[in-house]
Amino acid sequence: MAEPMRSNQPKSGEHSEASGFILTRQQFDTPEGISFQFWLKGSQGAFPVTVAGQEAVFFVLEEDLPRIEPLLEPVTDWRLKPLPLKDLEQRSICGIYSRSIATYRKLTDLLQTYGISMIEEDIRPVDRFLMERFIQESARVRFSENSAQLLPTDYDPQLTMLSVDIETTMRADRIFSIGLYSDRYSKVLIVGEGPNEPWLEYVNDERALLQAFIREVERCDPDIFIGWNVVGFDFRVLEERARRLQVPMNLGRDRSRIQVIQSGNGKWFCRIAGRVVLDGIDTLKGATYQFESFSLENVSNQLLDRGKLLGHQQDDGLTLNKGEEIQQVYRENPRQLAEYNLEDCKLVWDIFEHAKLLHYLIERSRLTGLPLDKVGGSAAAFDNQYLPRLHRKGYVAPVYASGESQMGAPGGYVMESRPGLYNQVLVLDFKSLYPSIIRTFMIDPFALAEGTGTECPPEELVPGFNHAIFSRKEAILPGIIER
């Protein structure tokens, strides 16, 4: 069931339908089950849709039930259901459903501890909800009385960005200034005294600085924040200082607080309801840009032929490090620091515009279903495209998709090099061959299962490596590549 939340969302009886680009997706537990909250950007602005009363599911082999059921007996709030599905070895499958994410994690952790194979347990419930409905980057929402239905659609969004940068002490235990920039707006908020200007506002202390920042974000109402190491530094420090100074960092479009979280591998993530945070470094890397250094100074000089305003030099010629110079400029000439702060925001904005990074991310979402802020994600992109089609064929993903595999295959042959200078050099990029090989030889997990596990006429079979036989008619992956 979906519930209306804000005035931008069409109401029953007023507008029965609305389309939009999915900005954010979140999942959380409620007494009624798992709830999914989506924020979409449509023609009338951003609006939320909350889908309540949902369940999470993963799959297990029916033959493992005698081991599974005694293990899970102490856990409550889950159910087991036989399904008309098979794995690619033609074995029967059951689904394990739970009404809370906490229970879902408890179940999967328990089965993993005892070495019991699970299938598709790594798919987030909110991602599965969209994936199984073939919803990529956009959705059409049909509203009825106190509920809504999400359907796939293609929507061309007009998204707004705001570039953010902060200047701090060397230990980042105090924020001096916050810079904000877009194509229609520029502002620096800075702690200190001085005459205000259209682009510059002085505030009394750091607490007032954070409050002014929240006010400006609400006024600009951006869909996307951009910056340089903006999650791991800027928003992390903003959240830490706001918590220390007891300033509610309510930047969500529903006035909820931001969440800045560090994963087990050290990666930082920022969640803001209805707003996306894009890091320029990660986005450039994802778009296959390569630089000797991904510092803002180096990248901006490479792409824009200009760099930062401060040159890290004293009058006596001695070099200062960045932190020392920022502190010195803040003490001696706060307005100069504000100019430097704003120029950093402009550099990031101009890099995004020059490299068409937002356009790239929107097209990536359209093709793969990945969120705008997803870093990497080739496996998730494959899941989005492949698994719903595999399920409709009556199969689930193979166990090795969760990381378990005893299957090996030879790699490419690497010739010994002959060092020297050559006039004629031929460069072969074999990555472009992979799609052609897949399409020609029908290489596909489902086609393999059908070719080896069912009776097919010889003319419908394609022989492959290691005695593999693929069905010519049942392949899924070649069709995805064609699209």
Protein backbone atom coordinates (compact mmCIF):
# COMPACT_ATOMS: atom_id res chain seq x y z
CA MET A 1 0.00 0.00 0.00
CA ALA A 2 1.31 3.47 -0.81
CA GLU A 3 0.49 6.58 1.19
CA PRO A 4 0.58 10.23 0.07
CA MET A 5 3.01 12.43 2.03
CA ARG A 6 3.34 15.97 0.65
CA SER A 7 1.42 18.52 -1.36
CA ASN A 8 3.58 18.04 -4.46
CA GLN A 9 2.27 14.49 -4.69
CA PRO A 10 -0.91 14.27 -6.78
CA LYS A 11 -3.95 13.48 -4.66
CA SER A 12 -6.73 11.07 -5.41
CA GLY A 13 -9.45 12.84 -7.34
CA GLU A 14 -7.11 15.64 -8.45
CA HIS A 15 -4.52 13.86 -10.57
CA SER A 16 -4.81 10.12 -11.05
CA GLU A 17 -1.34 9.74 -12.50
CA ALA A 18 2.13 11.26 -12.26
CA SER A 19 5.48 10.33 -13.77
CA GLY A 20 8.93 11.14 -12.49
CA PHE A 21 12.59 10.25 -12.26
CA ILE A 22 13.51 8.26 -9.16
CA LEU A 23 15.90 10.34 -7.06
CA THR A 24 16.17 8.25 -3.91
CA ARG A 25 14.96 4.92 -2.58
CA GLN A 26 14.94 3.90 1.08
CA GLN A 27 13.73 0.89 3.05
CA PHE A 28 12.83 0.70 6.72
CA ASP A 29 10.94 -1.47 9.17
CA THR A 30 7.48 -0.60 10.49
CA PRO A 31 4.95 -2.55 12.61
CA GLU A 32 2.99 -3.23 9.40
CA GLY A 33 5.99 -4.66 7.55
CA ILE A 34 8.78 -3.25 5.41
CA SER A 35 8.16 0.18 3.90
CA PHE A 36 9.81 1.56 0.78
CA GLN A 37 10.04 5.31 0.29
CA PHE A 38 10.72 6.70 -3.17
CA TRP A 39 11.26 10.34 -4.09
CA LEU A 40 10.56 11.18 -7.72
CA LYS A 41 11.17 14.38 -9.68
CA GLY A 42 8.26 15.14 -11.96
CA SER A 43 7.03 18.07 -14.00
CA GLN A 44 5.49 19.70 -10.90
CA GLY A 45 8.50 19.15 -8.65
CA ALA A 46 9.64 16.38 -6.33
CA PHE A 47 7.10 14.09 -4.66
CA PRO A 48 7.29 10.99 -2.43
CA VAL A 49 5.60 7.63 -2.69
CA THR A 50 5.67 5.28 0.30
CA VAL A 51 4.90 1.62 -0.32
CA ALA A 52 4.05 -0.10 2.96
CA GLY A 53 3.40 -3.65 4.15
CA GLN A 54 6.08 -5.33 2.04
CA GLU A 55 8.14 -8.49 2.59
CA ALA A 56 11.76 -9.36 1.86
CA VAL A 57 12.54 -12.67 0.17
CA PHE A 58 15.48 -14.89 -0.68
CA PHE A 59 15.56 -18.43 -2.00
CA VAL A 60 16.86 -21.79 -0.79
CA LEU A 61 16.97 -25.30 -2.23
CA GLU A 62 14.05 -27.49 -1.23
CA GLU A 63 16.48 -30.34 -0.54
CA ASP A 64 18.07 -28.24 2.23
CA LEU A 65 14.83 -27.76 4.19
CA PRO A 66 15.54 -30.58 6.70
CA ARG A 67 18.61 -28.57 7.82
CA ILE A 68 17.07 -25.12 7.46
CA GLU A 69 13.81 -25.44 9.39
CA PRO A 70 15.34 -26.54 12.75
CA LEU A 71 17.94 -23.75 12.50
CA LEU A 72 15.36 -21.03 11.88
CA GLU A 73 12.77 -22.27 14.38
CA PRO A 74 13.86 -19.85 17.16
CA VAL A 75 13.45 -16.87 14.79
CA THR A 76 9.98 -15.31 14.52
CA ASP A 77 8.20 -13.27 11.84
CA TRP A 78 9.11 -15.28 8.74
CA ARG A 79 7.46 -17.84 6.50
CA LEU A 80 8.53 -20.56 4.09
CA LYS A 81 6.78 -20.99 0.75
CA PRO A 82 7.35 -23.60 -2.01
CA LEU A 83 7.60 -21.84 -5.37
CA PRO A 84 7.14 -22.95 -8.99
CA LEU A 85 10.80 -22.11 -9.61
CA LYS A 86 13.97 -24.13 -10.18
CA ASP A 87 17.65 -23.41 -10.05
CA LEU A 88 19.71 -23.89 -13.21
CA GLU A 89 20.41 -27.49 -12.19
CA GLN A 90 16.66 -28.20 -12.26
CA ARG A 91 16.32 -28.42 -8.45
CA SER A 92 13.17 -27.22 -6.69
CA ILE A 93 13.20 -23.88 -4.88
CA CYS A 94 11.50 -22.41 -1.80
CA GLY A 95 11.21 -18.78 -0.80
CA ILE A 96 11.89 -17.52 2.72
CA TYR A 97 9.85 -14.37 3.38
CA SER A 98 10.17 -11.94 6.28
CA ARG A 99 8.24 -8.81 7.25
CA SER A 100 11.26 -6.94 8.57
CA ILE A 101 14.76 -6.18 7.33
CA ALA A 102 16.13 -6.99 10.80
CA THR A 103 14.66 -10.50 10.59
CA TYR A 104 15.89 -10.88 7.02
CA ARG A 105 19.46 -10.17 8.12
CA LYS A 106 19.11 -12.50 11.10
CA LEU A 107 17.94 -15.33 8.83
CA THR A 108 20.67 -14.90 6.23
CA ASP A 109 23.40 -14.54 8.87
CA LEU A 110 22.25 -17.74 10.56
CA LEU A 111 22.17 -19.79 7.36
CA GLN A 112 25.53 -18.41 6.28
CA THR A 113 27.06 -19.39 9.63
CA TYR A 114 26.01 -23.01 9.04
CA GLY A 115 27.16 -23.06 5.42
CA ILE A 116 23.72 -23.40 3.83
CA SER A 117 23.45 -22.11 0.28
CA MET A 118 21.19 -19.12 -0.29
CA ILE A 119 20.10 -17.65 -3.60
CA GLU A 120 19.62 -13.93 -4.34
CA GLU A 121 20.01 -13.05 -0.65
CA ASP A 122 22.20 -10.10 -1.63
CA ILE A 123 19.39 -8.27 -3.46
CA ARG A 124 18.07 -5.35 -1.39
CA PRO A 125 14.28 -5.60 -0.97
CA VAL A 126 13.70 -2.06 -2.30
CA ASP A 127 15.82 -2.84 -5.36
CA ARG A 128 13.93 -6.10 -5.95
CA PHE A 129 10.63 -4.20 -5.77
CA LEU A 130 11.68 -1.99 -8.70
CA MET A 131 13.55 -4.70 -10.59
CA GLU A 132 10.63 -7.15 -10.70
CA ARG A 133 8.44 -4.40 -12.16
CA PHE A 134 11.03 -3.56 -14.84
CA ILE A 135 11.28 -0.04 -13.39
CA GLN A 136 14.62 1.45 -14.37
CA GLU A 137 15.21 5.12 -13.67
CA SER A 138 11.65 6.43 -13.91
CA ALA A 139 8.20 5.39 -12.77
CA ARG A 140 4.60 6.18 -13.59
CA VAL A 141 2.51 6.32 -10.42
CA ARG A 142 -1.20 5.57 -10.49
CA PHE A 143 -2.89 7.02 -7.44
CA SER A 144 -6.11 5.77 -5.95
CA GLU A 145 -7.66 6.26 -2.52
CA ASN A 146 -4.72 6.07 -0.04
CA SER A 147 -2.66 3.84 -2.32
CA ALA A 148 -0.50 3.93 -5.42
CA GLN A 149 0.85 1.62 -8.09
CA LEU A 150 4.31 2.04 -9.63
CA LEU A 151 4.76 1.17 -13.30
CA PRO A 152 7.73 1.43 -15.67
CA THR A 153 7.98 4.44 -17.95
CA ASP A 154 10.55 6.58 -19.73
CA TYR A 155 10.75 10.11 -18.36
CA ASP A 156 13.18 12.87 -19.29
CA PRO A 157 13.94 14.71 -16.02
CA GLN A 158 15.00 18.30 -15.51
CA LEU A 159 17.22 17.92 -12.46
CA THR A 160 18.72 20.77 -10.46
CA MET A 161 22.22 20.65 -8.95
CA LEU A 162 23.92 22.60 -6.18
CA SER A 163 27.70 22.53 -5.74
CA VAL A 164 28.80 22.47 -2.08
CA ASP A 165 32.23 23.01 -0.52
CA ILE A 166 33.35 23.73 3.04
CA GLU A 167 36.53 25.24 4.45
CA THR A 168 37.69 24.07 7.87
CA THR A 169 40.57 23.96 10.30
CA MET A 170 43.30 21.43 9.55
CA ARG A 171 41.68 18.91 11.91
CA ALA A 172 38.20 19.65 10.54
CA ASP A 173 37.01 20.40 14.08
CA ARG A 174 35.62 23.79 13.08
CA ILE A 175 33.98 25.03 9.87
CA PHE A 176 35.01 28.48 8.65
CA SER A 177 32.74 28.80 5.62
CA ILE A 178 30.32 26.98 3.34
CA GLY A 179 30.19 27.69 -0.39
CA LEU A 180 27.13 27.08 -2.58
CA TYR A 181 26.94 27.47 -6.35
CA SER A 182 24.65 26.69 -9.28
CA ASP A 183 24.01 28.23 -12.68
CA ARG A 184 21.48 30.64 -11.11
CA TYR A 185 22.80 31.10 -7.60
CA SER A 186 26.01 31.67 -5.66
CA LYS A 187 26.52 32.20 -1.95
CA VAL A 188 29.26 31.88 0.64
CA LEU A 189 28.32 31.70 4.31
CA ILE A 190 31.27 32.57 6.56
CA VAL A 191 31.82 32.98 10.29
CA GLY A 192 33.07 36.47 11.08
CA GLU A 193 32.30 40.15 10.76
CA GLY A 194 32.09 42.21 7.61
CA PRO A 195 29.71 43.85 5.15
CA ASN A 196 27.30 41.43 3.53
CA GLU A 197 27.18 41.27 -0.27
CA PRO A 198 24.73 39.57 -2.65
CA TRP A 199 27.01 36.52 -2.78
CA LEU A 200 28.52 36.74 0.73
CA GLU A 201 26.87 36.47 4.15
CA TYR A 202 28.65 36.79 7.50
CA VAL A 203 27.28 34.93 10.54
CA ASN A 204 28.17 35.12 14.23
CA ASP A 205 29.35 31.58 14.94
CA GLU A 206 29.52 28.02 13.62
CA ARG A 207 26.08 27.14 14.91
CA ALA A 208 24.58 30.07 12.99
CA LEU A 209 26.62 28.96 9.97
CA LEU A 210 24.99 25.52 9.97
CA GLN A 211 21.53 27.00 10.45
CA ALA A 212 22.09 29.39 7.54
CA PHE A 213 23.23 26.47 5.38
CA ILE A 214 20.04 24.53 6.14
CA ARG A 215 17.99 27.65 5.31
CA GLU A 216 19.75 28.13 1.96
CA VAL A 217 19.31 24.47 0.98
CA GLU A 218 15.61 24.70 1.72
CA ARG A 219 15.39 27.87 -0.37
CA CYS A 220 17.29 26.41 -3.35
CA ASP A 221 15.63 22.98 -3.00
CA PRO A 222 18.18 21.11 -5.17
CA ASP A 223 17.66 17.59 -6.47
CA ILE A 224 21.40 16.88 -6.40
CA PHE A 225 24.36 18.01 -4.33
CA ILE A 226 27.74 17.83 -6.08
CA GLY A 227 31.25 18.32 -4.73
CA TRP A 228 34.79 16.97 -4.48
CA ASN A 229 35.09 14.21 -1.88
CA VAL A 230 31.78 15.70 -0.85
CA VAL A 231 30.52 12.62 1.03
CA GLY A 232 33.70 11.50 2.77
CA PHE A 233 34.64 15.04 3.82
CA ASP A 234 32.11 17.86 3.36
CA PHE A 235 28.89 16.12 4.40
CA ARG A 236 30.67 13.95 6.96
CA VAL A 237 32.09 17.05 8.67
CA LEU A 238 28.80 18.96 8.36
CA GLU A 239 26.94 16.10 10.03
CA GLU A 240 29.57 15.70 12.77
CA ARG A 241 29.66 19.41 13.60
CA ALA A 242 25.85 19.68 13.52
CA ARG A 243 25.60 16.76 15.93
CA ARG A 244 28.23 18.28 18.22
CA LEU A 245 26.51 21.70 18.20
CA GLN A 246 23.02 20.15 18.46
CA VAL A 247 21.80 21.59 15.19
CA PRO A 248 19.31 19.23 13.49
CA MET A 249 20.74 18.72 9.99
CA ASN A 250 17.28 18.39 8.43
CA LEU A 251 18.19 18.51 4.75
CA GLY A 252 15.68 15.89 3.59
CA ARG A 253 12.76 17.01 1.50
CA ASP A 254 10.54 15.64 4.25
CA ARG A 255 12.70 17.57 6.76
CA SER A 256 14.36 14.36 7.92
CA ARG A 257 17.99 14.37 9.03
CA ILE A 258 20.82 13.35 6.78
CA GLN A 259 22.59 10.07 7.45
CA VAL A 260 26.33 9.80 6.80
CA ILE A 261 27.45 6.19 7.17
CA GLN A 262 30.79 4.44 6.77
CA SER A 263 30.67 0.89 5.40
CA GLY A 264 32.87 -1.97 6.53
CA ASN A 265 35.34 -1.31 3.71
CA GLY A 266 35.76 2.34 4.73
CA LYS A 267 33.52 3.86 2.03
CA TRP A 268 31.28 6.75 3.08
CA PHE A 269 27.62 7.05 2.06
CA CYS A 270 25.21 9.95 2.47
CA ARG A 271 21.44 9.49 2.53
CA ILE A 272 19.14 12.46 2.19
CA ALA A 273 15.45 11.89 1.52
CA GLY A 274 14.64 13.24 -1.93
CA ARG A 275 18.16 14.47 -2.70
CA VAL A 276 21.16 12.77 -4.30
CA VAL A 277 24.78 13.44 -3.34
CA LEU A 278 27.30 12.95 -6.18
CA ASP A 279 31.03 12.93 -5.63
CA GLY A 280 32.99 14.34 -8.56
CA ILE A 281 35.90 11.94 -8.11
CA ASP A 282 33.77 8.78 -8.08
CA THR A 283 31.63 10.04 -10.95
CA LEU A 284 34.64 10.75 -13.17
CA LYS A 285 36.13 7.35 -12.40
CA GLY A 286 32.83 5.69 -13.23
CA ALA A 287 32.79 7.57 -16.54
CA THR A 288 36.26 6.04 -17.26
CA TYR A 289 38.22 9.29 -16.88
CA GLN A 290 41.85 8.77 -15.85
CA PHE A 291 44.21 11.31 -14.31
CA GLU A 292 47.58 11.07 -12.61
CA SER A 293 45.91 12.77 -9.66
CA PHE A 294 42.22 13.23 -8.93
CA SER A 295 42.84 16.36 -6.87
CA LEU A 296 40.49 19.20 -7.79
CA GLU A 297 43.50 21.33 -8.73
CA ASN A 298 44.83 18.77 -11.21
CA VAL A 299 41.51 17.74 -12.74
CA SER A 300 40.29 21.32 -13.18
CA ASN A 301 43.55 22.32 -14.87
CA GLN A 302 43.33 19.31 -17.18
CA LEU A 303 39.68 19.81 -18.15
CA LEU A 304 39.10 23.56 -17.69
CA ASP A 305 42.57 25.11 -18.04
CA ARG A 306 42.19 26.83 -14.68
CA GLY A 307 42.66 25.87 -11.05
CA LYS A 308 42.17 26.99 -7.48
CA LEU A 309 42.64 30.60 -6.39
CA LEU A 310 45.12 29.97 -3.57
CA GLY A 311 48.63 28.95 -4.65
CA HIS A 312 49.96 27.70 -1.31
CA GLN A 313 52.79 30.32 -1.30
CA GLN A 314 53.79 32.89 1.30
CA ASP A 315 55.28 36.28 0.44
CA ASP A 316 58.72 34.98 1.43
CA GLY A 317 58.44 32.17 -1.13
CA LEU A 318 58.02 29.37 1.40
CA THR A 319 55.36 26.81 0.54
CA LEU A 320 52.41 26.35 2.88
CA ASN A 321 50.29 23.25 2.94
CA LYS A 322 46.64 23.71 2.11
CA GLY A 323 45.39 23.58 5.70
CA GLU A 324 47.91 26.14 6.95
CA GLU A 325 47.18 28.52 4.10
CA ILE A 326 43.41 28.34 4.58
CA GLN A 327 43.77 29.12 8.28
CA GLN A 328 46.12 32.02 7.56
CA VAL A 329 43.85 33.52 4.90
CA TYR A 330 40.81 33.15 7.18
CA ARG A 331 42.59 35.10 9.93
CA GLU A 332 43.99 37.82 7.66
CA ASN A 333 41.43 38.20 4.85
CA PRO A 334 38.12 36.32 5.31
CA ARG A 335 36.71 37.74 2.08
CA GLN A 336 39.60 36.19 0.12
CA LEU A 337 38.81 32.82 1.70
CA ALA A 338 35.17 33.25 0.65
CA GLU A 339 36.28 33.90 -2.94
CA TYR A 340 38.46 30.78 -2.82
CA ASN A 341 35.59 28.76 -1.36
CA LEU A 342 33.20 29.90 -4.08
CA GLU A 343 35.72 29.21 -6.86
CA ASP A 344 36.09 25.61 -5.64
CA CYS A 345 32.30 25.26 -5.98
CA LYS A 346 32.45 26.74 -9.49
CA LEU A 347 35.27 24.40 -10.52
CA VAL A 348 33.25 21.34 -9.54
CA TRP A 349 30.16 22.70 -11.30
CA ASP A 350 32.12 23.43 -14.48
CA ILE A 351 33.74 19.97 -14.45
CA PHE A 352 30.29 18.35 -14.26
CA GLU A 353 29.09 20.56 -17.12
CA HIS A 354 32.22 20.11 -19.26
CA ALA A 355 32.24 16.32 -18.93
CA LYS A 356 28.41 16.05 -19.11
CA LEU A 357 28.53 13.90 -16.00
CA LEU A 358 24.88 14.29 -15.03
CA HIS A 359 23.80 13.34 -18.55
CA TYR A 360 26.06 10.28 -18.31
CA LEU A 361 24.55 9.22 -14.98
CA ILE A 362 20.97 9.66 -16.20
CA GLU A 363 21.69 7.54 -19.28
CA ARG A 364 23.40 4.92 -17.12
CA SER A 365 20.32 4.76 -14.90
CA ARG A 366 18.09 4.48 -17.95
CA LEU A 367 20.11 1.52 -19.28
CA THR A 368 20.89 -0.29 -16.03
CA GLY A 369 18.41 0.79 -13.37
CA LEU A 370 21.27 1.85 -11.07
CA PRO A 371 20.68 4.86 -8.78
CA LEU A 372 22.51 8.04 -9.74
CA ASP A 373 24.87 7.81 -6.76
CA LYS A 374 25.74 4.12 -7.17
CA VAL A 375 29.52 3.69 -7.41
CA GLY A 376 30.57 0.75 -9.59
CA GLY A 377 27.63 -1.62 -9.61
CA SER A 378 28.27 -3.77 -12.69
CA ALA A 379 26.91 -6.84 -10.84
CA ALA A 380 23.83 -4.91 -9.68
CA ALA A 381 23.26 -3.63 -13.22
CA PHE A 382 23.35 -7.20 -14.51
CA ASP A 383 20.92 -8.33 -11.79
CA ASN A 384 18.47 -5.55 -12.70
CA GLN A 385 18.36 -6.61 -16.32
CA TYR A 386 18.71 -10.37 -16.07
CA LEU A 387 16.97 -11.66 -12.95
CA PRO A 388 13.39 -10.50 -13.68
CA ARG A 389 13.57 -12.16 -17.10
CA LEU A 390 15.08 -15.31 -15.59
CA HIS A 391 12.31 -15.50 -12.98
CA ARG A 392 9.67 -15.29 -15.67
CA LYS A 393 11.27 -18.31 -17.30
CA GLY A 394 10.76 -20.22 -14.05
CA TYR A 395 14.32 -20.07 -12.71
CA VAL A 396 16.31 -18.31 -10.00
CA ALA A 397 19.92 -17.15 -10.13
CA PRO A 398 22.63 -19.80 -9.76
CA VAL A 399 24.24 -20.20 -6.35
CA TYR A 400 27.57 -19.00 -7.76
CA ALA A 401 25.98 -15.58 -8.31
CA SER A 402 26.21 -15.19 -4.51
CA GLY A 403 29.92 -15.93 -4.59
CA GLU A 404 29.95 -19.74 -4.37
CA SER A 405 31.55 -21.47 -7.33
CA GLN A 406 33.84 -24.35 -8.16
CA MET A 407 33.72 -23.50 -11.85
CA GLY A 408 36.91 -22.42 -13.59
CA ALA A 409 37.75 -21.26 -17.09
CA PRO A 410 40.99 -20.34 -18.83
CA GLY A 411 41.88 -16.71 -19.38
CA GLY A 412 43.32 -15.13 -22.50
CA TYR A 413 46.81 -16.02 -23.71
CA VAL A 414 49.41 -13.34 -22.94
CA MET A 415 52.33 -13.25 -25.37
CA GLU A 416 55.86 -12.44 -24.26
CA SER A 417 56.74 -8.88 -25.24
CA ARG A 418 59.71 -7.88 -27.37
CA PRO A 419 60.89 -4.48 -26.11
CA GLY A 420 61.77 -1.93 -28.77
CA LEU A 421 60.52 0.90 -30.97
CA TYR A 422 58.14 0.00 -33.80
CA ASN A 423 56.76 2.05 -36.68
CA GLN A 424 53.57 0.01 -37.05
CA VAL A 425 51.64 -0.95 -33.92
CA LEU A 426 48.28 -2.73 -33.89
CA VAL A 427 46.19 -2.30 -30.72
CA LEU A 428 43.41 -4.85 -30.14
CA ASP A 429 40.74 -4.17 -27.54
CA PHE A 430 39.08 -7.50 -26.87
CA LYS A 431 36.40 -6.04 -24.61
CA SER A 432 34.38 -5.21 -27.69
CA LEU A 433 34.49 -8.87 -28.70
CA TYR A 434 32.63 -10.10 -25.62
CA PRO A 435 29.16 -8.93 -26.72
CA SER A 436 29.72 -10.40 -30.19
CA ILE A 437 30.82 -13.74 -28.75
CA ILE A 438 27.82 -13.82 -26.40
CA ARG A 439 25.39 -13.08 -29.23
CA THR A 440 27.00 -15.48 -31.71
CA PHE A 441 27.32 -18.48 -29.40
CA MET A 442 24.23 -17.75 -27.28
CA ILE A 443 26.31 -17.71 -24.09
CA ASP A 444 23.80 -17.37 -21.29
CA PRO A 445 23.11 -19.15 -17.95
CA PHE A 446 19.48 -19.89 -18.81
CA ALA A 447 20.33 -21.05 -22.33
CA LEU A 448 22.94 -23.36 -20.77
CA ALA A 449 20.37 -24.82 -18.37
CA GLU A 450 17.89 -25.39 -21.20
CA GLY A 451 20.53 -26.78 -23.56
CA THR A 452 21.97 -29.27 -21.11
CA GLY A 453 18.96 -30.03 -18.91
CA THR A 454 16.12 -30.43 -21.42
CA GLU A 455 15.51 -32.23 -24.67
CA CYS A 456 16.09 -29.91 -27.62
CA PRO A 457 16.45 -30.68 -31.35
CA PRO A 458 20.13 -30.60 -32.45
CA GLU A 459 19.53 -27.63 -34.75
CA GLU A 460 18.48 -25.54 -31.72
CA LEU A 461 21.73 -26.18 -29.82
CA VAL A 462 25.05 -24.32 -29.87
CA PRO A 463 28.16 -26.14 -28.52
CA GLY A 464 30.41 -24.22 -26.12
CA PHE A 465 33.48 -24.47 -23.90
CA ASN A 466 33.95 -27.38 -21.45
CA HIS A 467 31.15 -29.51 -22.99
CA ALA A 468 28.60 -26.74 -22.50
CA ILE A 469 25.56 -26.74 -24.79
CA PHE A 470 23.43 -23.61 -25.19
CA SER A 471 19.85 -23.37 -26.41
CA ARG A 472 19.63 -21.16 -29.48
CA LYS A 473 16.02 -20.18 -28.76
CA GLU A 474 16.01 -19.60 -25.01
CA ALA A 475 18.94 -17.23 -24.47
CA ILE A 476 18.21 -14.09 -22.39
CA LEU A 477 21.56 -12.29 -22.38
CA PRO A 478 21.92 -11.84 -26.16
CA GLY A 479 18.54 -10.10 -26.19
CA ILE A 480 19.61 -7.72 -23.42
CA ILE A 481 22.75 -6.85 -25.40
CA GLU A 482 20.65 -6.24 -28.54
CA ARG A 483 18.47 -3.76 -26.65
